[in-house]
Amino acid sequence: MQQRGPAVRPPIGIALDGDLGNRIDAVLAVAMLNGFTAKTEARRISLSVSRPSVASAQIADVVAAFYRGRPMGGAGGGVGAITEGVIGMPDGSVPGSDSPVLAAALSTKTSDGTPAYTSAITGSVNTAESAVLIRNLLLAQHDGNAAIVLAGPATGLVRILGLYRSGPQISAKCKVLVVAAGSFPAGQPEASIKSDVAAARKLFAEWPTPIVAVGTEVGAALPYPGASIDKDFSWSPAHPLVDAYRAFKPMPYDAPASALAAVLHAVHPDEDYFKLSDPGTISVQDDGSTRFTPAVDGKHRYLIVDPAQKDRIMSLYTAMVSAPPAPRPGRGRGGAI
């Protein structure tokens, strides 16, 4: 009988929950995780949208399917027409006018006038309840070998806390929760927090693992360079991230990118890309602002930009975000599973 060697611990698994309909840095974060996957430094284990929005879920589906190597839209069928992954979305009432900022990217046409992208998602029935999806995929990970990145409202993610035995399960599997929201140490109200103050307040108060917050000040100091959109994606004749970036606001612009900083810290927390605050506690105020109170036994910290690392970080951002789809894992003996 053949002897099996010890199980190889895979790279860290990242569950990304983001406001992909309204935050371009959340879309960039999906691309960045593809880049880390290509370098076998991380895996994206789940993708969910932060709000009940079918259009946002469609954007997530199109971008995720592109990085799975699906064919482009048009006469041959659209990206996401046949999906392998499942997009999570919190249960709730979808707005009657479900048209997030980035929805315009879905209307992009090819040269012959057919849709460049189509999604298999036609309604909420085609999505998974995000809290259950994240919890289930966390449970499939080695202990301490997963992290969650939140780049949007806490609406869906906080519901994990209400699932059966969620606390011990999260603590065992999830190394850290990195939240790309707020402003620190005590800044202005921030859109993702303001959109669901109650959920954000509960998340910071009850989440069982360490939390690292990435405020708007980090995203503003380290924006994704718009010039990269024009020069680094020529390998693809049509790219949903490029079309989303152009749909977000008139070019040229550099996009504040706290979600990219959050992903980078989740994947490489020990590489000194950022400084960390002392421990403390983050609380959420009624107006959507966040307040950090130092405490020796606090479970919360926030990222601080290190100017000496800026060039290093920007080079990594553009390389990871513009990377072509990662090779599909092999199957069978000797292949990755």
Protein backbone atom coordinates (compact mmCIF):
# COMPACT_ATOMS: atom_id res chain seq x y z
CA MET A 1 0.00 0.00 0.00
CA GLN A 2 1.33 3.43 -0.92
CA GLN A 3 2.15 5.69 2.01
CA ARG A 4 0.79 9.20 1.85
CA GLY A 5 2.99 12.01 3.02
CA PRO A 6 1.80 14.71 5.39
CA ALA A 7 -0.93 16.98 4.04
CA VAL A 8 0.46 20.13 2.46
CA ARG A 9 -1.01 23.25 4.02
CA PRO A 10 -2.35 25.42 1.20
CA PRO A 11 -1.84 29.19 1.04
CA ILE A 12 -4.21 31.28 3.10
CA GLY A 13 -7.83 31.30 1.97
CA ILE A 14 -9.52 34.71 1.67
CA ALA A 15 -13.27 35.24 1.87
CA LEU A 16 -14.02 38.57 0.19
CA ASP A 17 -17.27 40.38 0.97
CA GLY A 18 -17.46 43.69 -0.88
CA ASP A 19 -19.72 46.37 -2.24
CA LEU A 20 -18.91 45.46 -5.82
CA GLY A 21 -21.74 47.56 -7.22
CA ASN A 22 -20.54 50.82 -5.69
CA ARG A 23 -16.84 50.50 -4.79
CA ILE A 24 -14.33 50.18 -7.60
CA ASP A 25 -11.66 49.12 -5.10
CA ALA A 26 -13.79 46.08 -4.22
CA VAL A 27 -13.66 45.05 -7.90
CA LEU A 28 -9.90 45.71 -7.93
CA ALA A 29 -9.63 43.47 -4.86
CA VAL A 30 -11.05 40.51 -6.81
CA ALA A 31 -8.38 41.05 -9.46
CA MET A 32 -5.68 41.36 -6.81
CA LEU A 33 -6.66 38.04 -5.27
CA ASN A 34 -6.36 36.50 -8.74
CA GLY A 35 -2.79 37.81 -8.88
CA PHE A 36 -1.95 36.32 -5.50
CA THR A 37 -3.55 33.05 -6.60
CA ALA A 38 -1.34 32.97 -9.70
CA LYS A 39 1.71 33.30 -7.43
CA THR A 40 0.29 30.64 -5.06
CA GLU A 41 0.38 33.10 -2.19
CA ALA A 42 -3.37 33.06 -1.45
CA ARG A 43 -6.70 31.58 -2.52
CA ARG A 44 -10.08 33.27 -2.87
CA ILE A 45 -12.43 30.85 -1.12
CA SER A 46 -15.64 32.86 -1.44
CA LEU A 47 -16.98 36.03 -3.01
CA SER A 48 -20.07 37.86 -1.82
CA VAL A 49 -21.64 41.28 -2.22
CA SER A 50 -22.36 43.41 0.83
CA ARG A 51 -25.86 44.60 -0.07
CA PRO A 52 -29.04 42.93 -1.37
CA SER A 53 -28.44 43.94 -5.00
CA VAL A 54 -28.87 41.64 -7.98
CA ALA A 55 -26.95 44.04 -10.22
CA SER A 56 -24.01 44.00 -7.81
CA ALA A 57 -24.11 40.20 -7.72
CA GLN A 58 -24.08 40.18 -11.52
CA ILE A 59 -20.96 42.35 -11.55
CA ALA A 60 -19.31 40.01 -9.07
CA ASP A 61 -20.30 37.01 -11.20
CA VAL A 62 -18.92 38.53 -14.41
CA VAL A 63 -15.59 39.53 -12.83
CA ALA A 64 -15.17 36.23 -10.98
CA ALA A 65 -16.02 34.21 -14.10
CA PHE A 66 -13.50 36.20 -16.14
CA TYR A 67 -10.77 35.09 -13.76
CA ARG A 68 -11.93 31.51 -14.08
CA GLY A 69 -11.06 31.80 -17.77
CA ARG A 70 -14.54 31.77 -19.25
CA PRO A 71 -14.99 32.99 -22.87
CA MET A 72 -15.97 36.59 -23.47
CA GLY A 73 -19.49 37.70 -24.36
CA GLY A 74 -21.04 38.25 -27.74
CA ALA A 75 -22.28 35.58 -30.09
CA GLY A 76 -20.28 32.89 -28.30
CA GLY A 77 -21.87 33.41 -24.88
CA GLY A 78 -20.95 35.69 -22.03
CA VAL A 79 -18.65 35.53 -19.12
CA GLY A 80 -20.55 33.84 -16.34
CA ALA A 81 -23.03 32.15 -18.69
CA ILE A 82 -21.86 28.90 -17.11
CA THR A 83 -20.63 29.43 -13.57
CA GLU A 84 -18.44 27.28 -11.40
CA GLY A 85 -18.50 29.51 -8.34
CA VAL A 86 -21.40 30.82 -6.29
CA ILE A 87 -21.85 34.50 -5.49
CA GLY A 88 -23.12 35.32 -2.02
CA MET A 89 -25.67 38.05 -1.32
CA PRO A 90 -27.41 38.91 1.95
CA ASP A 91 -31.11 38.13 2.12
CA GLY A 92 -33.26 41.21 2.06
CA SER A 93 -35.37 43.45 -0.10
CA VAL A 94 -33.61 44.36 -3.36
CA PRO A 95 -34.21 48.03 -4.21
CA GLY A 96 -36.78 48.63 -6.91
CA SER A 97 -34.25 50.74 -8.79
CA ASP A 98 -31.35 48.32 -8.44
CA SER A 99 -28.78 50.32 -10.37
CA PRO A 100 -25.50 50.64 -8.47
CA VAL A 101 -22.77 52.91 -9.80
CA LEU A 102 -20.89 50.14 -11.59
CA ALA A 103 -23.97 48.64 -13.29
CA ALA A 104 -23.08 50.56 -16.47
CA ALA A 105 -20.16 48.19 -16.98
CA LEU A 106 -22.65 45.40 -17.65
CA SER A 107 -23.97 47.28 -20.70
CA THR A 108 -20.62 47.25 -22.50
CA LYS A 109 -20.96 46.05 -26.10
CA THR A 110 -18.54 44.25 -28.41
CA SER A 111 -17.60 45.62 -31.85
CA ASP A 112 -20.57 43.81 -33.40
CA GLY A 113 -23.03 45.31 -30.90
CA THR A 114 -23.61 42.24 -28.75
CA PRO A 115 -23.18 42.32 -24.95
CA ALA A 116 -19.56 41.95 -23.88
CA TYR A 117 -20.60 40.35 -20.60
CA THR A 118 -23.55 38.32 -19.45
CA SER A 119 -24.23 36.80 -16.07
CA ALA A 120 -25.94 33.60 -15.04
CA ILE A 121 -27.53 35.55 -12.18
CA THR A 122 -31.03 36.73 -13.05
CA GLY A 123 -32.36 37.14 -9.52
CA SER A 124 -31.64 36.49 -5.87
CA VAL A 125 -32.56 32.82 -6.38
CA ASN A 126 -29.27 32.42 -8.28
CA THR A 127 -27.19 33.57 -5.30
CA ALA A 128 -26.35 32.03 -1.94
CA GLU A 129 -27.11 33.67 1.41
CA SER A 130 -23.76 35.30 2.03
CA ALA A 131 -23.38 34.56 5.74
CA VAL A 132 -24.05 30.85 5.20
CA LEU A 133 -21.74 30.73 2.17
CA ILE A 134 -18.83 32.32 4.03
CA ARG A 135 -19.36 30.19 7.13
CA ASN A 136 -19.51 26.95 5.15
CA LEU A 137 -16.37 27.70 3.16
CA LEU A 138 -14.51 28.77 6.28
CA LEU A 139 -15.27 25.38 7.80
CA ALA A 140 -13.51 23.70 4.87
CA GLN A 141 -10.21 25.44 5.72
CA HIS A 142 -7.35 24.34 7.94
CA ASP A 143 -7.54 25.90 11.39
CA GLY A 144 -6.11 29.40 11.38
CA ASN A 145 -5.58 29.36 7.61
CA ALA A 146 -8.32 31.75 6.49
CA ALA A 147 -9.06 35.45 6.67
CA ILE A 148 -12.06 37.58 5.79
CA VAL A 149 -11.82 40.90 3.96
CA LEU A 150 -14.84 43.21 4.19
CA ALA A 151 -14.94 46.11 1.72
CA GLY A 152 -18.46 47.41 2.13
CA PRO A 153 -21.34 47.50 4.61
CA ALA A 154 -21.37 44.82 7.31
CA THR A 155 -24.99 43.96 6.41
CA GLY A 156 -24.39 40.37 5.32
CA LEU A 157 -21.19 39.48 7.13
CA VAL A 158 -22.50 40.29 10.59
CA ARG A 159 -25.24 37.68 10.18
CA ILE A 160 -22.64 34.94 10.59
CA LEU A 161 -22.72 35.77 14.29
CA GLY A 162 -26.30 34.49 14.46
CA LEU A 163 -25.55 31.09 12.93
CA TYR A 164 -25.33 28.01 15.13
CA ARG A 165 -22.00 27.72 16.97
CA SER A 166 -20.57 30.45 14.79
CA GLY A 167 -18.25 31.90 17.44
CA PRO A 168 -16.05 28.80 17.99
CA GLN A 169 -16.09 28.03 14.27
CA ILE A 170 -14.94 31.52 13.26
CA SER A 171 -12.29 31.58 15.98
CA ALA A 172 -10.88 28.22 14.87
CA LYS A 173 -10.72 28.92 11.16
CA CYS A 174 -10.39 32.67 10.71
CA LYS A 175 -7.04 34.25 11.53
CA VAL A 176 -8.23 37.85 11.18
CA LEU A 177 -11.03 40.02 9.84
CA VAL A 178 -9.73 42.97 7.81
CA VAL A 179 -12.32 45.73 7.39
CA ALA A 180 -11.81 48.31 4.63
CA ALA A 181 -14.15 50.90 6.10
CA GLY A 182 -14.13 53.79 8.53
CA SER A 183 -11.52 56.46 9.19
CA PHE A 184 -8.89 56.35 11.92
CA PRO A 185 -8.09 57.06 14.63
CA ALA A 186 -11.15 59.38 14.74
CA GLY A 187 -12.24 60.68 11.39
CA GLN A 188 -15.23 61.64 9.31
CA PRO A 189 -18.26 59.37 8.76
CA GLU A 190 -17.58 56.85 6.01
CA ALA A 191 -20.06 55.60 3.40
CA SER A 192 -19.83 51.84 4.07
CA ILE A 193 -20.32 52.37 7.80
CA LYS A 194 -23.10 54.93 7.35
CA SER A 195 -25.12 52.65 5.10
CA ASP A 196 -25.68 50.18 7.96
CA VAL A 197 -24.57 51.63 11.29
CA ALA A 198 -26.29 48.93 13.33
CA ALA A 199 -24.51 46.11 11.48
CA ALA A 200 -21.12 47.82 11.77
CA ARG A 201 -21.64 48.47 15.47
CA LYS A 202 -22.53 44.82 16.10
CA LEU A 203 -19.61 43.56 14.02
CA PHE A 204 -16.98 45.55 15.94
CA ALA A 205 -18.59 44.76 19.28
CA GLU A 206 -19.11 41.01 18.88
CA TRP A 207 -16.73 39.61 16.27
CA PRO A 208 -14.61 36.94 18.01
CA THR A 209 -11.28 37.24 16.14
CA PRO A 210 -8.81 40.11 15.89
CA ILE A 211 -9.95 42.91 13.57
CA VAL A 212 -7.66 45.15 11.54
CA ALA A 213 -9.34 48.23 10.10
CA VAL A 214 -8.18 49.98 6.93
CA GLY A 215 -9.50 53.52 6.90
CA THR A 216 -10.19 55.88 4.03
CA GLU A 217 -6.94 57.68 4.84
CA VAL A 218 -5.01 54.57 3.74
CA GLY A 219 -6.95 54.28 0.49
CA ALA A 220 -6.40 57.97 -0.29
CA ALA A 221 -2.67 57.77 0.41
CA LEU A 222 -2.25 54.64 -1.74
CA PRO A 223 -4.67 54.94 -4.68
CA TYR A 224 -4.67 52.59 -7.63
CA PRO A 225 -3.07 54.47 -10.56
CA GLY A 226 -5.48 55.10 -13.41
CA ALA A 227 -2.56 55.06 -15.85
CA SER A 228 -2.33 51.31 -15.26
CA ILE A 229 -5.79 50.84 -16.75
CA ASP A 230 -4.57 52.21 -20.08
CA LYS A 231 -1.28 50.33 -20.28
CA ASP A 232 -1.31 47.12 -18.22
CA PHE A 233 -4.39 45.28 -19.52
CA SER A 234 -3.66 45.12 -23.24
CA TRP A 235 -3.38 41.32 -22.99
CA SER A 236 -7.19 41.12 -23.06
CA PRO A 237 -9.34 42.69 -25.82
CA ALA A 238 -12.19 43.08 -23.30
CA HIS A 239 -11.79 43.16 -19.54
CA PRO A 240 -14.65 43.65 -17.06
CA LEU A 241 -12.40 45.39 -14.52
CA VAL A 242 -11.26 47.92 -17.14
CA ASP A 243 -14.85 48.61 -18.17
CA ALA A 244 -15.92 48.91 -14.53
CA TYR A 245 -13.07 51.33 -13.79
CA ARG A 246 -14.08 53.51 -16.74
CA ALA A 247 -17.75 53.36 -15.72
CA PHE A 248 -17.04 54.40 -12.13
CA LYS A 249 -16.06 58.00 -12.99
CA PRO A 250 -14.59 59.93 -15.92
CA MET A 251 -10.99 59.10 -16.72
CA PRO A 252 -8.28 59.85 -15.86
CA TYR A 253 -8.40 59.31 -12.10
CA ASP A 254 -6.59 57.36 -9.42
CA ALA A 255 -8.97 55.26 -7.34
CA PRO A 256 -8.75 55.31 -3.52
CA ALA A 257 -7.98 51.68 -2.73
CA SER A 258 -8.41 50.74 0.91
CA ALA A 259 -9.74 47.35 -0.23
CA LEU A 260 -6.40 46.60 -1.89
CA ALA A 261 -4.54 47.50 1.29
CA ALA A 262 -6.91 45.21 3.20
CA VAL A 263 -6.23 42.27 0.86
CA LEU A 264 -2.49 42.88 0.96
CA HIS A 265 -2.46 42.89 4.75
CA ALA A 266 -4.65 39.78 4.93
CA VAL A 267 -2.31 37.86 2.64
CA HIS A 268 1.03 39.20 3.91
CA PRO A 269 0.59 40.59 7.43
CA ASP A 270 4.25 40.04 8.33
CA GLU A 271 5.90 41.68 5.31
CA ASP A 272 6.02 45.20 6.82
CA TYR A 273 4.00 46.85 4.05
CA PHE A 274 2.15 48.84 6.73
CA LYS A 275 2.51 49.89 10.32
CA LEU A 276 -0.10 48.80 12.86
CA SER A 277 -1.63 50.86 15.61
CA ASP A 278 -1.42 49.74 19.20
CA PRO A 279 -4.29 47.50 20.32
CA GLY A 280 -7.61 49.06 21.18
CA THR A 281 -11.34 49.04 20.56
CA ILE A 282 -13.23 50.47 17.58
CA SER A 283 -16.70 51.84 18.22
CA VAL A 284 -19.23 53.16 15.72
CA GLN A 285 -21.01 56.45 16.32
CA ASP A 286 -24.57 57.31 15.32
CA ASP A 287 -23.39 59.44 12.37
CA GLY A 288 -21.34 56.59 10.87
CA SER A 289 -17.97 57.75 12.12
CA THR A 290 -15.56 55.36 13.81
CA ARG A 291 -13.65 55.97 17.00
CA PHE A 292 -10.56 54.09 18.16
CA THR A 293 -9.87 53.86 21.89
CA PRO A 294 -6.48 52.41 22.91
CA ALA A 295 -6.65 49.41 25.25
CA VAL A 296 -3.90 46.95 26.15
CA ASP A 297 -6.29 44.01 25.85
CA GLY A 298 -8.13 45.34 22.79
CA LYS A 299 -8.69 43.08 19.77
CA HIS A 300 -8.76 45.89 17.24
CA ARG A 301 -5.98 47.70 15.38
CA TYR A 302 -5.85 49.90 12.29
CA LEU A 303 -3.34 50.14 9.45
CA ILE A 304 -1.00 53.11 9.21
CA VAL A 305 0.70 54.06 5.95
CA ASP A 306 4.48 53.86 5.96
CA PRO A 307 5.69 56.40 3.33
CA ALA A 308 8.90 54.40 2.88
CA GLN A 309 6.84 51.48 1.55
CA LYS A 310 4.72 53.42 -0.95
CA ASP A 311 6.71 52.60 -4.10
CA ARG A 312 6.93 48.94 -3.10
CA ILE A 313 3.18 48.77 -2.52
CA MET A 314 2.21 50.57 -5.72
CA SER A 315 4.41 48.27 -7.78
CA LEU A 316 2.77 45.26 -6.17
CA TYR A 317 -0.74 46.69 -6.66
CA THR A 318 -0.32 47.11 -10.41
CA ALA A 319 1.41 43.75 -10.88
CA MET A 320 -1.23 41.79 -8.96
CA VAL A 321 -4.31 43.61 -10.25
CA SER A 322 -3.26 43.44 -13.92
CA ALA A 323 -2.22 39.76 -13.81
CA PRO A 324 -3.95 37.46 -16.34
CA PRO A 325 -6.27 34.75 -14.96
CA ALA A 326 -4.41 32.31 -12.75
CA PRO A 327 -3.83 28.83 -14.22
CA ARG A 328 -6.54 26.40 -13.27
CA PRO A 329 -5.42 23.92 -10.60
CA GLY A 330 -4.48 20.47 -11.79
CA ARG A 331 -6.45 17.34 -10.98
CA GLY A 332 -5.44 13.83 -10.14
CA ARG A 333 -2.25 12.49 -8.64
CA GLY A 334 0.25 15.24 -7.94
CA GLY A 335 -2.21 18.01 -8.84
CA ALA A 336 -3.64 20.64 -6.56
CA ILE A 337 -7.17 20.08 -5.34
